N, C-alpha and C. Protein backbone atom coordinates (compact mmCIF):
# COMPACT_ATOMS: atom_id res chain seq x y z
N MET A 1 36.90 75.26 133.99
CA MET A 1 37.98 74.70 133.20
C MET A 1 38.60 75.82 132.34
N LYS A 2 39.92 75.80 132.21
CA LYS A 2 40.60 76.83 131.43
C LYS A 2 40.28 76.69 129.95
N LYS A 3 40.16 77.81 129.31
CA LYS A 3 39.92 77.80 127.87
C LYS A 3 41.25 77.85 127.14
N ASP A 4 41.29 77.24 125.99
CA ASP A 4 42.46 77.24 125.10
C ASP A 4 43.69 76.59 125.71
N CYS A 5 43.53 75.67 126.64
CA CYS A 5 44.70 74.98 127.19
C CYS A 5 44.99 73.67 126.46
N HIS A 6 44.03 73.17 125.70
CA HIS A 6 44.22 71.93 124.95
C HIS A 6 44.42 72.24 123.47
N PRO A 7 45.27 71.45 122.81
CA PRO A 7 45.47 71.69 121.38
C PRO A 7 44.23 71.25 120.59
N GLU A 8 44.10 71.78 119.39
CA GLU A 8 42.98 71.44 118.53
C GLU A 8 43.13 70.00 118.06
N TYR A 9 42.12 69.19 118.24
CA TYR A 9 42.14 67.78 117.87
C TYR A 9 41.19 67.61 116.69
N ARG A 10 41.74 67.24 115.52
CA ARG A 10 40.92 67.19 114.32
C ARG A 10 41.41 66.11 113.38
N GLU A 11 40.66 65.87 112.33
CA GLU A 11 41.06 64.90 111.32
C GLU A 11 42.04 65.55 110.36
N VAL A 12 43.15 64.83 110.08
CA VAL A 12 44.19 65.32 109.19
C VAL A 12 44.58 64.19 108.26
N VAL A 13 44.87 64.52 107.01
CA VAL A 13 45.37 63.54 106.06
C VAL A 13 46.89 63.56 106.13
N PHE A 14 47.49 62.38 106.35
CA PHE A 14 48.94 62.23 106.36
C PHE A 14 49.37 61.70 105.00
N LEU A 15 50.37 62.33 104.41
CA LEU A 15 50.91 61.90 103.13
C LEU A 15 52.32 61.38 103.36
N ASP A 16 52.53 60.09 103.08
CA ASP A 16 53.86 59.49 103.20
C ASP A 16 54.66 59.91 101.97
N MET A 17 55.70 60.69 102.18
CA MET A 17 56.47 61.25 101.07
C MET A 17 57.27 60.20 100.31
N SER A 18 57.66 59.12 100.96
CA SER A 18 58.48 58.12 100.26
C SER A 18 57.65 57.14 99.45
N SER A 19 56.39 56.89 99.84
CA SER A 19 55.58 55.93 99.09
C SER A 19 54.35 56.56 98.43
N GLY A 20 53.99 57.77 98.83
CA GLY A 20 52.84 58.44 98.24
C GLY A 20 51.51 58.00 98.81
N VAL A 21 51.50 57.22 99.87
CA VAL A 21 50.26 56.73 100.47
C VAL A 21 49.65 57.82 101.35
N LYS A 22 48.33 57.97 101.24
CA LYS A 22 47.60 58.93 102.09
C LYS A 22 46.72 58.15 103.06
N PHE A 23 46.62 58.65 104.29
CA PHE A 23 45.69 58.05 105.25
C PHE A 23 45.17 59.13 106.18
N LEU A 24 43.95 58.92 106.64
CA LEU A 24 43.25 59.87 107.48
C LEU A 24 43.38 59.46 108.94
N CYS A 25 43.68 60.42 109.79
CA CYS A 25 43.87 60.13 111.20
C CYS A 25 43.48 61.36 112.02
N ARG A 26 42.98 61.13 113.20
CA ARG A 26 42.69 62.25 114.10
C ARG A 26 43.96 62.56 114.88
N THR A 27 44.30 63.84 114.95
CA THR A 27 45.54 64.23 115.60
C THR A 27 45.48 65.69 116.03
N SER A 28 46.45 66.09 116.84
CA SER A 28 46.58 67.49 117.25
C SER A 28 47.82 68.12 116.62
N VAL A 29 48.41 67.46 115.62
CA VAL A 29 49.61 67.98 114.98
C VAL A 29 49.29 69.30 114.27
N LYS A 30 50.24 70.23 114.34
CA LYS A 30 50.05 71.52 113.67
C LYS A 30 50.35 71.32 112.19
N THR A 31 49.49 71.87 111.35
CA THR A 31 49.67 71.75 109.90
C THR A 31 49.75 73.13 109.29
N SER A 32 50.27 73.16 108.06
CA SER A 32 50.29 74.43 107.33
C SER A 32 48.90 74.66 106.74
N LYS A 33 48.77 75.66 105.94
CA LYS A 33 47.49 75.99 105.31
C LYS A 33 47.15 75.03 104.18
N GLU A 34 48.07 74.13 103.85
CA GLU A 34 47.88 73.22 102.73
C GLU A 34 46.76 72.23 103.04
N THR A 35 45.89 72.00 102.07
CA THR A 35 44.79 71.05 102.23
C THR A 35 44.79 70.07 101.06
N THR A 36 44.04 68.99 101.23
CA THR A 36 43.91 68.00 100.16
C THR A 36 42.53 67.38 100.22
N ASP A 37 42.09 66.90 99.08
CA ASP A 37 40.81 66.19 99.02
C ASP A 37 41.08 64.72 99.27
N PHE A 38 40.29 64.14 100.17
CA PHE A 38 40.45 62.72 100.50
C PHE A 38 39.06 62.14 100.72
N GLU A 39 38.69 61.15 99.93
CA GLU A 39 37.39 60.49 100.01
C GLU A 39 36.24 61.50 99.95
N GLY A 40 36.37 62.47 99.07
CA GLY A 40 35.28 63.42 98.83
C GLY A 40 35.21 64.59 99.79
N LYS A 41 36.12 64.72 100.72
CA LYS A 41 36.14 65.84 101.68
C LYS A 41 37.50 66.52 101.63
N THR A 42 37.56 67.75 102.08
CA THR A 42 38.81 68.50 102.14
C THR A 42 39.32 68.49 103.58
N TYR A 43 40.59 68.11 103.74
CA TYR A 43 41.22 68.01 105.06
C TYR A 43 42.56 68.73 105.04
N PRO A 44 43.05 69.15 106.21
CA PRO A 44 44.42 69.68 106.27
C PRO A 44 45.40 68.55 105.95
N LEU A 45 46.55 68.91 105.37
CA LEU A 45 47.54 67.92 104.95
C LEU A 45 48.79 68.02 105.80
N HIS A 46 49.29 66.87 106.26
CA HIS A 46 50.58 66.80 106.95
C HIS A 46 51.47 65.85 106.17
N ARG A 47 52.64 66.33 105.78
CA ARG A 47 53.58 65.51 105.01
C ARG A 47 54.52 64.78 105.98
N ALA A 48 54.51 63.46 105.91
CA ALA A 48 55.36 62.64 106.78
C ALA A 48 56.48 62.04 105.93
N THR A 49 57.69 62.04 106.45
CA THR A 49 58.81 61.48 105.70
C THR A 49 58.74 59.97 105.61
N ILE A 50 58.21 59.34 106.64
CA ILE A 50 58.10 57.89 106.65
C ILE A 50 56.90 57.49 107.51
N SER A 51 56.26 56.40 107.13
CA SER A 51 55.12 55.90 107.90
C SER A 51 55.13 54.38 107.84
N SER A 52 54.09 53.77 108.38
CA SER A 52 54.03 52.31 108.36
C SER A 52 53.91 51.77 106.94
N ALA A 53 53.51 52.60 106.00
CA ALA A 53 53.38 52.17 104.61
C ALA A 53 54.73 52.02 103.93
N SER A 54 55.76 52.72 104.44
CA SER A 54 57.06 52.66 103.77
C SER A 54 58.21 52.21 104.67
N HIS A 55 57.99 52.12 105.97
CA HIS A 55 59.07 51.74 106.87
C HIS A 55 59.39 50.25 106.72
N PRO A 56 60.69 49.88 106.59
CA PRO A 56 61.07 48.48 106.37
C PRO A 56 60.59 47.54 107.48
N PHE A 57 60.49 48.01 108.70
CA PHE A 57 60.04 47.14 109.79
C PHE A 57 58.60 46.67 109.57
N PHE A 58 57.75 47.58 109.11
CA PHE A 58 56.35 47.25 108.92
C PHE A 58 56.07 46.57 107.59
N THR A 59 56.86 46.89 106.56
CA THR A 59 56.63 46.30 105.24
C THR A 59 57.29 44.94 105.10
N GLY A 60 58.26 44.63 105.97
CA GLY A 60 58.95 43.35 105.88
C GLY A 60 60.04 43.34 104.83
N GLN A 61 60.30 44.46 104.22
CA GLN A 61 61.35 44.56 103.21
C GLN A 61 62.58 45.18 103.83
N GLY A 62 63.72 44.75 103.37
CA GLY A 62 64.96 45.33 103.87
C GLY A 62 65.36 44.72 105.19
N GLY A 63 66.62 44.79 105.47
CA GLY A 63 67.14 44.23 106.71
C GLY A 63 67.46 45.31 107.70
N HIS A 64 68.10 44.90 108.75
CA HIS A 64 68.49 45.82 109.80
C HIS A 64 69.74 46.58 109.36
N VAL A 65 69.70 47.90 109.44
CA VAL A 65 70.85 48.72 109.07
C VAL A 65 71.56 49.11 110.35
N ASP A 66 72.80 48.67 110.47
CA ASP A 66 73.59 48.97 111.66
C ASP A 66 74.73 49.88 111.25
N ALA A 67 74.50 51.18 111.32
CA ALA A 67 75.48 52.14 110.84
C ALA A 67 76.75 52.16 111.69
N GLU A 68 76.65 51.82 112.94
CA GLU A 68 77.81 51.89 113.82
C GLU A 68 78.53 50.55 113.95
N LYS A 69 78.11 49.55 113.22
CA LYS A 69 78.75 48.22 113.20
C LYS A 69 78.75 47.56 114.57
N ARG A 70 77.74 47.84 115.38
CA ARG A 70 77.68 47.25 116.72
C ARG A 70 77.47 45.75 116.67
N ILE A 71 76.67 45.29 115.72
CA ILE A 71 76.41 43.85 115.62
C ILE A 71 77.68 43.11 115.26
N ASP A 72 78.43 43.64 114.29
CA ASP A 72 79.69 43.00 113.89
C ASP A 72 80.69 42.96 115.04
N ARG A 73 80.79 44.05 115.78
CA ARG A 73 81.72 44.06 116.91
C ARG A 73 81.33 43.04 117.96
N PHE A 74 80.02 42.93 118.24
CA PHE A 74 79.56 41.95 119.22
C PHE A 74 79.87 40.54 118.75
N GLN A 75 79.58 40.25 117.48
CA GLN A 75 79.83 38.90 116.97
C GLN A 75 81.32 38.56 116.99
N ASN A 76 82.17 39.52 116.67
CA ASN A 76 83.62 39.27 116.72
C ASN A 76 84.08 39.02 118.15
N ARG A 77 83.59 39.81 119.09
CA ARG A 77 83.96 39.64 120.49
C ARG A 77 83.48 38.29 121.01
N TYR A 78 82.25 37.91 120.66
CA TYR A 78 81.70 36.65 121.11
C TYR A 78 82.47 35.48 120.51
N ALA A 79 82.87 35.60 119.25
CA ALA A 79 83.61 34.52 118.59
C ALA A 79 84.95 34.30 119.30
N LYS A 80 85.62 35.38 119.70
CA LYS A 80 86.90 35.26 120.40
C LYS A 80 86.70 34.56 121.75
N LYS A 81 85.69 34.97 122.50
CA LYS A 81 85.44 34.36 123.81
C LYS A 81 85.04 32.90 123.68
N ALA A 82 84.26 32.58 122.66
CA ALA A 82 83.85 31.20 122.43
C ALA A 82 85.06 30.34 122.09
N GLU A 83 85.99 30.88 121.30
CA GLU A 83 87.20 30.14 120.94
C GLU A 83 88.08 29.92 122.18
N GLU A 84 88.19 30.94 123.03
CA GLU A 84 88.95 30.80 124.26
C GLU A 84 88.34 29.72 125.16
N ALA A 85 87.03 29.73 125.29
CA ALA A 85 86.35 28.74 126.13
C ALA A 85 86.54 27.34 125.56
N ARG A 86 86.49 27.20 124.24
CA ARG A 86 86.68 25.91 123.59
C ARG A 86 88.11 25.40 123.85
N THR A 87 89.10 26.29 123.76
CA THR A 87 90.49 25.92 123.99
C THR A 87 90.69 25.46 125.44
N ILE A 88 90.13 26.18 126.39
CA ILE A 88 90.25 25.82 127.81
C ILE A 88 89.61 24.46 128.06
N LYS A 89 88.45 24.23 127.48
CA LYS A 89 87.76 22.94 127.65
C LYS A 89 88.60 21.80 127.08
N GLU A 90 89.19 22.01 125.91
CA GLU A 90 90.03 20.97 125.29
C GLU A 90 91.25 20.68 126.16
N ARG A 91 91.86 21.71 126.75
CA ARG A 91 93.02 21.51 127.62
C ARG A 91 92.64 20.70 128.86
N LYS A 92 91.49 21.01 129.45
CA LYS A 92 91.04 20.27 130.62
C LYS A 92 90.78 18.81 130.29
N GLU A 93 90.14 18.57 129.14
CA GLU A 93 89.88 17.19 128.72
C GLU A 93 91.18 16.44 128.50
N GLN A 94 92.16 17.09 127.88
CA GLN A 94 93.45 16.46 127.62
C GLN A 94 94.15 16.14 128.94
N ALA A 95 94.09 17.05 129.91
CA ALA A 95 94.72 16.81 131.22
C ALA A 95 94.05 15.63 131.92
N LEU A 96 92.74 15.53 131.85
CA LEU A 96 92.03 14.42 132.47
C LEU A 96 92.42 13.09 131.81
N LEU A 97 92.55 13.09 130.50
CA LEU A 97 92.96 11.87 129.80
C LEU A 97 94.38 11.44 130.20
N GLU A 98 95.28 12.41 130.29
CA GLU A 98 96.66 12.10 130.69
C GLU A 98 96.70 11.57 132.12
N GLU A 99 95.92 12.16 133.00
CA GLU A 99 95.87 11.72 134.40
C GLU A 99 95.30 10.30 134.48
N ALA A 100 94.28 10.02 133.70
CA ALA A 100 93.69 8.68 133.71
C ALA A 100 94.68 7.65 133.17
N SER A 101 95.45 8.00 132.15
CA SER A 101 96.42 7.04 131.60
C SER A 101 97.57 6.80 132.58
N LYS A 102 97.96 7.81 133.37
CA LYS A 102 99.00 7.64 134.38
C LYS A 102 98.52 6.71 135.49
N LYS A 103 97.24 6.86 135.87
CA LYS A 103 96.69 6.00 136.92
C LYS A 103 96.63 4.55 136.46
N LYS A 104 96.38 4.30 135.22
CA LYS A 104 96.34 2.94 134.68
C LYS A 104 97.71 2.31 134.79
N GLY A 105 98.75 3.09 134.57
CA GLY A 105 100.11 2.57 134.65
C GLY A 105 100.53 2.22 136.06
N ARG A 106 99.89 2.82 137.08
CA ARG A 106 100.25 2.59 138.47
C ARG A 106 99.38 1.52 139.13
N VAL A 107 98.65 0.76 138.40
CA VAL A 107 97.76 -0.25 138.97
C VAL A 107 98.60 -1.32 139.64
N LYS A 108 98.25 -1.72 140.89
CA LYS A 108 98.98 -2.75 141.64
C LYS A 108 98.78 -4.10 140.99
N LYS A 109 99.86 -4.84 140.93
CA LYS A 109 99.78 -6.20 140.40
C LYS A 109 99.58 -7.16 141.55
N SER A 110 98.63 -8.04 141.46
CA SER A 110 98.37 -8.97 142.53
C SER A 110 98.89 -10.33 142.23
């Protein structure tokens, strides 16, 4: 087996920069020389910008941020199509009612 072909797999403390939460995880991520004490031991430190401790999806706080307004565009497009379909349905119903009333007028008298 080749030597040095696999990355070093070790325990690293991850620090969530937005919430300040620390957690220990085994990983092969490259870290700087910075270390921290965690639960009585010294471990390499990796600073994460966001983690499950601060991400809105996992915390249940905050809503969906749609920077490109895709949701609004979809809802507007759907509303237009729904209105068109409703108008077409109303026209068909009106035509059927008019046709039925014309047929009533043409009933043979016995």
